[in-house]
Structures are given as C-alpha cells and as structure tokens.
C-alpha cells in the first residue's frame, strides 16, 4: 500500500467508523456510488479522512475518521448517504458489520528512503 493512501489525521482523540462488508456479485453503479460517498463525506463538518481496501473475493474494509460522534450522526442522517445505505442492503452487500470506536492513541512507522522513523 502506498503511504499516500493513508489518511493524514490529527492527534487523537478522534473517532473511527469501521465498515466491513462482503459484496454480492451485483455491480449496478456500486463504484460510482462509493466514489460519490467519499466526495460527500469529505465535505461534511468533522470529517478527517478515509482508508479503504477491497479484496478480489469482494470482502472490503473502509475506515472513515471523524472528529466527534455528532459528526458521525450527521453523516448517518445525510439524505444521499441514507439512500446509498438502503441500496447497499438491497443490492450490493451480502453481509456487513459497522463498528464505531474512539481512537485514544495512534502512531505509525515509515521506512521511507532514510532511517526508520516513528511518528505520533
């Protein structure tokens, strides 16, 4: 994974919304809708960043980072996001799990081109 795909986040505390899902074989606009949801989320007050991966078997994990539970709640109530969730249940997902966690500590490590550096 390219380090550019990691979300650049502030120092904790903040919140992580972890969405793990197994896709169905139905595509029907999934990719476009997923991109649209990221675009919309990025415009929401309190949005901090997102990281997402999906395997060839259709299993994926998306972690969206937010500055507060109020921001998460507002995103959940966003009309276009609500419509996408309903469509996901009807067409795109065989199973999903959603977890919300408060991040208390965070650190990273990057070999980079020089000596190893621990951040955070």
N, C-alpha and C. Protein backbone atom coordinates (compact mmCIF):
# COMPACT_ATOMS: atom_id res chain seq x y z
N UNK A 1 0.84 -1.18 0.00
CA UNK A 1 0.00 0.00 0.00
C UNK A 1 0.89 1.24 0.00
N UNK A 2 0.61 2.15 -0.87
CA UNK A 2 1.34 3.40 -0.98
C UNK A 2 1.02 4.28 0.23
N UNK A 3 2.05 4.87 0.88
CA UNK A 3 1.78 5.73 2.04
C UNK A 3 0.82 6.89 1.72
N UNK A 4 0.70 7.27 0.47
CA UNK A 4 -0.22 8.34 0.10
C UNK A 4 -1.68 7.94 0.31
N UNK A 5 -1.95 6.63 0.41
CA UNK A 5 -3.32 6.17 0.62
C UNK A 5 -3.72 6.17 2.09
N UNK A 6 -2.79 6.44 2.98
CA UNK A 6 -3.10 6.53 4.39
C UNK A 6 -3.73 7.89 4.68
N UNK A 7 -4.75 7.91 5.52
CA UNK A 7 -5.37 9.18 5.91
C UNK A 7 -4.39 9.97 6.77
N UNK A 8 -4.31 11.25 6.53
CA UNK A 8 -3.50 12.14 7.37
C UNK A 8 -4.43 12.66 8.46
N UNK A 9 -4.14 12.29 9.68
CA UNK A 9 -5.06 12.55 10.79
C UNK A 9 -4.41 13.42 11.86
N UNK A 10 -5.23 14.13 12.61
CA UNK A 10 -4.69 14.92 13.72
C UNK A 10 -4.34 14.00 14.89
N UNK A 11 -3.78 14.57 15.91
CA UNK A 11 -3.51 13.80 17.12
C UNK A 11 -4.85 13.37 17.74
N UNK A 12 -4.90 12.17 18.31
CA UNK A 12 -6.13 11.72 18.98
C UNK A 12 -6.46 12.65 20.15
N UNK A 13 -7.69 12.58 20.62
CA UNK A 13 -8.72 11.61 20.27
C UNK A 13 -9.53 12.02 19.05
N UNK A 14 -10.04 11.00 18.36
CA UNK A 14 -10.99 11.15 17.27
C UNK A 14 -11.71 9.82 17.14
N UNK A 15 -12.62 9.72 16.19
CA UNK A 15 -13.45 8.52 16.07
C UNK A 15 -13.19 7.83 14.73
N UNK A 16 -13.30 6.50 14.76
CA UNK A 16 -13.17 5.69 13.55
C UNK A 16 -14.48 4.92 13.36
N UNK A 17 -15.05 5.05 12.17
CA UNK A 17 -16.21 4.26 11.78
C UNK A 17 -15.68 3.17 10.86
N UNK A 18 -15.76 1.93 11.30
CA UNK A 18 -15.17 0.79 10.59
C UNK A 18 -16.29 0.00 9.94
N UNK A 19 -16.28 -0.01 8.61
CA UNK A 19 -17.32 -0.68 7.83
C UNK A 19 -16.67 -1.86 7.11
N UNK A 20 -17.01 -3.07 7.54
CA UNK A 20 -16.51 -4.29 6.91
C UNK A 20 -17.67 -4.92 6.16
N UNK A 21 -17.44 -5.30 4.90
CA UNK A 21 -18.56 -5.80 4.10
C UNK A 21 -18.12 -6.84 3.09
N UNK A 22 -19.03 -7.78 2.86
CA UNK A 22 -18.87 -8.76 1.79
C UNK A 22 -19.83 -8.38 0.68
N UNK A 23 -19.31 -8.12 -0.50
CA UNK A 23 -20.11 -7.71 -1.63
C UNK A 23 -20.89 -8.88 -2.24
N UNK A 24 -21.99 -8.56 -2.92
CA UNK A 24 -22.68 -9.52 -3.78
C UNK A 24 -22.01 -9.44 -5.15
N UNK A 25 -22.52 -10.18 -6.11
CA UNK A 25 -21.99 -10.11 -7.48
C UNK A 25 -22.62 -8.97 -8.28
N UNK A 26 -23.55 -8.25 -7.69
CA UNK A 26 -24.24 -7.16 -8.39
C UNK A 26 -23.38 -5.90 -8.34
N UNK A 27 -23.09 -5.32 -9.51
CA UNK A 27 -22.33 -4.07 -9.54
C UNK A 27 -23.29 -2.89 -9.62
N UNK A 28 -23.99 -2.75 -10.71
CA UNK A 28 -25.08 -1.79 -10.87
C UNK A 28 -24.81 -0.42 -10.24
N UNK A 29 -23.66 0.20 -10.61
CA UNK A 29 -23.35 1.54 -10.14
C UNK A 29 -22.65 1.61 -8.80
N UNK A 30 -22.17 0.48 -8.29
CA UNK A 30 -21.53 0.48 -6.97
C UNK A 30 -20.31 1.40 -6.92
N UNK A 31 -19.41 1.27 -7.88
CA UNK A 31 -18.17 2.06 -7.87
C UNK A 31 -18.43 3.55 -7.88
N UNK A 32 -19.35 3.98 -8.73
CA UNK A 32 -19.68 5.40 -8.82
C UNK A 32 -20.28 5.89 -7.50
N UNK A 33 -21.14 5.07 -6.91
CA UNK A 33 -21.78 5.47 -5.65
C UNK A 33 -20.74 5.53 -4.53
N UNK A 34 -19.83 4.58 -4.49
CA UNK A 34 -18.79 4.59 -3.46
C UNK A 34 -17.94 5.85 -3.58
N UNK A 35 -17.56 6.21 -4.81
CA UNK A 35 -16.78 7.43 -5.02
C UNK A 35 -17.57 8.67 -4.59
N UNK A 36 -18.85 8.69 -4.91
CA UNK A 36 -19.71 9.81 -4.53
C UNK A 36 -19.80 9.94 -3.02
N UNK A 37 -19.89 8.81 -2.30
CA UNK A 37 -19.98 8.87 -0.85
C UNK A 37 -18.71 9.47 -0.24
N UNK A 38 -17.55 9.13 -0.80
CA UNK A 38 -16.29 9.72 -0.31
C UNK A 38 -16.29 11.22 -0.58
N UNK A 39 -16.71 11.62 -1.78
CA UNK A 39 -16.78 13.06 -2.11
C UNK A 39 -17.68 13.79 -1.12
N UNK A 40 -18.85 13.23 -0.86
CA UNK A 40 -19.79 13.87 0.06
C UNK A 40 -19.26 13.91 1.48
N UNK A 41 -18.69 12.80 1.93
CA UNK A 41 -18.16 12.74 3.30
C UNK A 41 -17.07 13.79 3.50
N UNK A 42 -16.22 13.96 2.49
CA UNK A 42 -15.13 14.93 2.60
C UNK A 42 -15.63 16.35 2.82
N UNK A 43 -16.85 16.62 2.41
CA UNK A 43 -17.44 17.96 2.56
C UNK A 43 -18.17 18.14 3.89
N UNK A 44 -18.31 17.07 4.65
CA UNK A 44 -19.08 17.13 5.89
C UNK A 44 -18.23 17.70 7.02
N UNK A 45 -18.82 18.59 7.84
CA UNK A 45 -18.09 19.08 9.02
C UNK A 45 -17.68 17.90 9.90
N UNK A 46 -16.44 17.92 10.35
CA UNK A 46 -15.95 16.88 11.24
C UNK A 46 -15.28 15.71 10.56
N UNK A 47 -15.34 15.63 9.22
CA UNK A 47 -14.68 14.53 8.50
C UNK A 47 -13.17 14.75 8.55
N UNK A 48 -12.42 13.69 8.86
CA UNK A 48 -10.97 13.79 8.97
C UNK A 48 -10.22 13.03 7.89
N UNK A 49 -10.79 11.93 7.39
CA UNK A 49 -10.10 11.14 6.38
C UNK A 49 -10.74 9.77 6.23
N UNK A 50 -10.25 9.02 5.23
CA UNK A 50 -10.79 7.69 4.96
C UNK A 50 -9.69 6.80 4.40
N UNK A 51 -9.78 5.53 4.74
CA UNK A 51 -8.90 4.49 4.19
C UNK A 51 -9.79 3.32 3.80
N UNK A 52 -9.53 2.74 2.62
CA UNK A 52 -10.43 1.69 2.15
C UNK A 52 -9.67 0.68 1.30
N UNK A 53 -9.99 -0.59 1.50
CA UNK A 53 -9.43 -1.68 0.69
C UNK A 53 -10.51 -2.71 0.40
N UNK A 54 -10.38 -3.38 -0.75
CA UNK A 54 -11.31 -4.45 -1.11
C UNK A 54 -10.51 -5.54 -1.81
N UNK A 55 -10.73 -6.78 -1.37
CA UNK A 55 -10.05 -7.92 -1.97
C UNK A 55 -10.80 -8.44 -3.19
N UNK A 56 -10.13 -9.29 -3.94
CA UNK A 56 -10.75 -9.88 -5.14
C UNK A 56 -11.96 -10.75 -4.79
N UNK A 57 -12.02 -11.22 -3.55
CA UNK A 57 -13.15 -12.04 -3.11
C UNK A 57 -14.38 -11.21 -2.73
N UNK A 58 -14.27 -9.87 -2.85
CA UNK A 58 -15.39 -9.00 -2.55
C UNK A 58 -15.46 -8.52 -1.11
N UNK A 59 -14.54 -8.99 -0.25
CA UNK A 59 -14.53 -8.52 1.13
C UNK A 59 -13.75 -7.22 1.20
N UNK A 60 -14.31 -6.21 1.87
CA UNK A 60 -13.64 -4.93 1.99
C UNK A 60 -13.82 -4.31 3.36
N UNK A 61 -12.91 -3.41 3.65
CA UNK A 61 -12.97 -2.63 4.90
C UNK A 61 -12.73 -1.17 4.55
N UNK A 62 -13.62 -0.32 5.03
CA UNK A 62 -13.46 1.12 4.90
C UNK A 62 -13.49 1.70 6.30
N UNK A 63 -12.51 2.54 6.61
CA UNK A 63 -12.47 3.22 7.89
C UNK A 63 -12.56 4.71 7.62
N UNK A 64 -13.62 5.33 8.11
CA UNK A 64 -13.79 6.77 8.00
C UNK A 64 -13.52 7.38 9.36
N UNK A 65 -12.75 8.47 9.38
CA UNK A 65 -12.36 9.11 10.63
C UNK A 65 -13.11 10.43 10.79
N UNK A 66 -13.59 10.66 12.01
CA UNK A 66 -14.42 11.83 12.31
C UNK A 66 -13.95 12.46 13.62
N UNK A 67 -14.22 13.75 13.78
CA UNK A 67 -13.77 14.42 14.99
C UNK A 67 -14.73 14.28 16.17
N UNK A 68 -15.97 13.80 15.91
CA UNK A 68 -16.93 13.69 17.02
C UNK A 68 -18.05 12.72 16.67
N UNK A 69 -18.74 12.29 17.69
CA UNK A 69 -19.92 11.45 17.47
C UNK A 69 -21.03 12.25 16.80
N UNK A 70 -21.11 13.54 17.07
CA UNK A 70 -22.11 14.38 16.40
C UNK A 70 -21.88 14.41 14.89
N UNK A 71 -20.62 14.49 14.47
CA UNK A 71 -20.30 14.49 13.04
C UNK A 71 -20.69 13.15 12.40
N UNK A 72 -20.44 12.06 13.11
CA UNK A 72 -20.83 10.73 12.62
C UNK A 72 -22.35 10.65 12.47
N UNK A 73 -23.05 11.14 13.47
CA UNK A 73 -24.52 11.12 13.44
C UNK A 73 -25.05 11.95 12.27
N UNK A 74 -24.48 13.12 12.04
CA UNK A 74 -24.91 13.97 10.93
C UNK A 74 -24.67 13.27 9.59
N UNK A 75 -23.55 12.58 9.45
CA UNK A 75 -23.27 11.84 8.22
C UNK A 75 -24.28 10.72 8.02
N UNK A 76 -24.62 10.04 9.09
CA UNK A 76 -25.60 8.96 9.01
C UNK A 76 -26.95 9.48 8.54
N UNK A 77 -27.30 10.70 8.90
CA UNK A 77 -28.59 11.28 8.54
C UNK A 77 -28.59 11.98 7.17
N UNK A 78 -27.44 12.11 6.54
CA UNK A 78 -27.35 12.75 5.22
C UNK A 78 -28.22 11.98 4.22
N UNK A 79 -29.09 12.68 3.51
CA UNK A 79 -30.09 12.03 2.65
C UNK A 79 -29.47 11.13 1.58
N UNK A 80 -28.45 11.59 0.90
CA UNK A 80 -27.84 10.79 -0.17
C UNK A 80 -27.11 9.57 0.41
N UNK A 81 -26.50 9.73 1.58
CA UNK A 81 -25.85 8.60 2.24
C UNK A 81 -26.90 7.57 2.68
N UNK A 82 -28.03 8.05 3.17
CA UNK A 82 -29.12 7.15 3.56
C UNK A 82 -29.61 6.33 2.37
N UNK A 83 -29.78 6.98 1.22
CA UNK A 83 -30.22 6.28 0.01
C UNK A 83 -29.18 5.24 -0.41
N UNK A 84 -27.90 5.57 -0.31
CA UNK A 84 -26.84 4.62 -0.68
C UNK A 84 -26.83 3.42 0.27
N UNK A 85 -27.04 3.66 1.56
CA UNK A 85 -27.10 2.55 2.53
C UNK A 85 -28.24 1.60 2.19
N UNK A 86 -29.41 2.17 1.87
CA UNK A 86 -30.56 1.33 1.52
C UNK A 86 -30.28 0.51 0.26
N UNK A 87 -29.64 1.13 -0.71
CA UNK A 87 -29.30 0.41 -1.93
C UNK A 87 -28.26 -0.68 -1.65
N UNK A 88 -27.34 -0.39 -0.75
CA UNK A 88 -26.34 -1.39 -0.36
C UNK A 88 -26.99 -2.62 0.23
N UNK A 89 -27.96 -2.42 1.09
CA UNK A 89 -28.67 -3.56 1.69
C UNK A 89 -29.47 -4.33 0.65
N UNK A 90 -30.05 -3.61 -0.30
CA UNK A 90 -30.91 -4.24 -1.30
C UNK A 90 -30.11 -4.95 -2.39
N UNK A 91 -28.93 -4.41 -2.75
CA UNK A 91 -28.21 -4.93 -3.92
C UNK A 91 -26.76 -5.34 -3.68
N UNK A 92 -25.97 -4.48 -3.04
CA UNK A 92 -24.52 -4.60 -3.11
C UNK A 92 -23.87 -5.45 -2.04
N UNK A 93 -24.50 -5.61 -0.89
CA UNK A 93 -23.84 -6.32 0.20
C UNK A 93 -24.56 -7.59 0.59
N UNK A 94 -23.78 -8.64 0.75
CA UNK A 94 -24.29 -9.91 1.26
C UNK A 94 -24.34 -9.85 2.80
N UNK A 95 -23.34 -9.18 3.38
CA UNK A 95 -23.25 -9.04 4.83
C UNK A 95 -22.36 -7.85 5.13
N UNK A 96 -22.66 -7.13 6.19
CA UNK A 96 -21.75 -6.08 6.64
C UNK A 96 -21.79 -5.93 8.15
N UNK A 97 -20.74 -5.34 8.68
CA UNK A 97 -20.62 -5.01 10.10
C UNK A 97 -20.14 -3.57 10.17
N UNK A 98 -20.69 -2.82 11.11
CA UNK A 98 -20.28 -1.44 11.32
C UNK A 98 -19.89 -1.28 12.79
N UNK A 99 -18.73 -0.71 12.99
CA UNK A 99 -18.25 -0.50 14.36
C UNK A 99 -17.76 0.94 14.49
N UNK A 100 -18.04 1.54 15.63
CA UNK A 100 -17.59 2.90 15.88
C UNK A 100 -16.69 2.86 17.11
N UNK A 101 -15.49 3.42 16.96
CA UNK A 101 -14.51 3.38 18.05
C UNK A 101 -13.89 4.75 18.26
N UNK A 102 -13.58 5.04 19.50
CA UNK A 102 -12.85 6.27 19.82
C UNK A 102 -11.36 5.92 19.82
N UNK A 103 -10.60 6.64 19.06
CA UNK A 103 -9.15 6.42 18.97
C UNK A 103 -8.50 7.27 20.06
N UNK A 104 -7.83 6.59 20.97
CA UNK A 104 -7.17 7.27 22.09
C UNK A 104 -5.69 7.50 21.84
N UNK A 105 -5.07 6.57 21.11
CA UNK A 105 -3.64 6.67 20.79
C UNK A 105 -3.46 6.23 19.35
N UNK A 106 -2.46 6.81 18.70
CA UNK A 106 -2.14 6.41 17.33
C UNK A 106 -0.66 6.68 17.07
N UNK A 107 -0.03 5.80 16.35
CA UNK A 107 1.34 6.03 15.93
C UNK A 107 1.57 5.28 14.63
N UNK A 108 2.62 5.63 13.94
CA UNK A 108 2.94 4.97 12.68
C UNK A 108 4.43 4.80 12.54
N UNK A 109 4.80 4.09 11.52
CA UNK A 109 6.20 3.84 11.22
C UNK A 109 6.37 3.88 9.72
N UNK A 110 7.43 4.52 9.27
CA UNK A 110 7.68 4.61 7.83
C UNK A 110 9.16 4.45 7.58
N UNK A 111 9.50 3.45 6.78
CA UNK A 111 10.91 3.23 6.44
C UNK A 111 11.39 4.36 5.55
N UNK A 112 10.54 4.81 4.60
CA UNK A 112 10.94 5.90 3.72
C UNK A 112 12.23 5.60 2.98
N UNK A 113 12.96 6.62 2.59
CA UNK A 113 14.22 6.45 1.89
C UNK A 113 15.42 6.53 2.83
N UNK A 114 15.16 6.91 4.08
CA UNK A 114 16.24 7.06 5.04
C UNK A 114 16.05 6.13 6.21
N UNK A 115 16.58 6.54 7.36
CA UNK A 115 16.43 5.72 8.56
C UNK A 115 14.95 5.61 8.96
N UNK A 116 14.64 4.54 9.66
CA UNK A 116 13.28 4.32 10.12
C UNK A 116 12.83 5.48 11.00
N UNK A 117 11.56 5.87 10.86
CA UNK A 117 11.03 6.97 11.65
C UNK A 117 9.68 6.57 12.24
N UNK A 118 9.53 6.76 13.53
CA UNK A 118 8.26 6.51 14.20
C UNK A 118 7.58 7.85 14.38
N UNK A 119 6.32 7.93 13.96
CA UNK A 119 5.56 9.17 14.08
C UNK A 119 4.44 9.00 15.07
N UNK A 120 4.04 10.10 15.69
CA UNK A 120 2.89 10.07 16.61
C UNK A 120 3.27 9.79 17.94
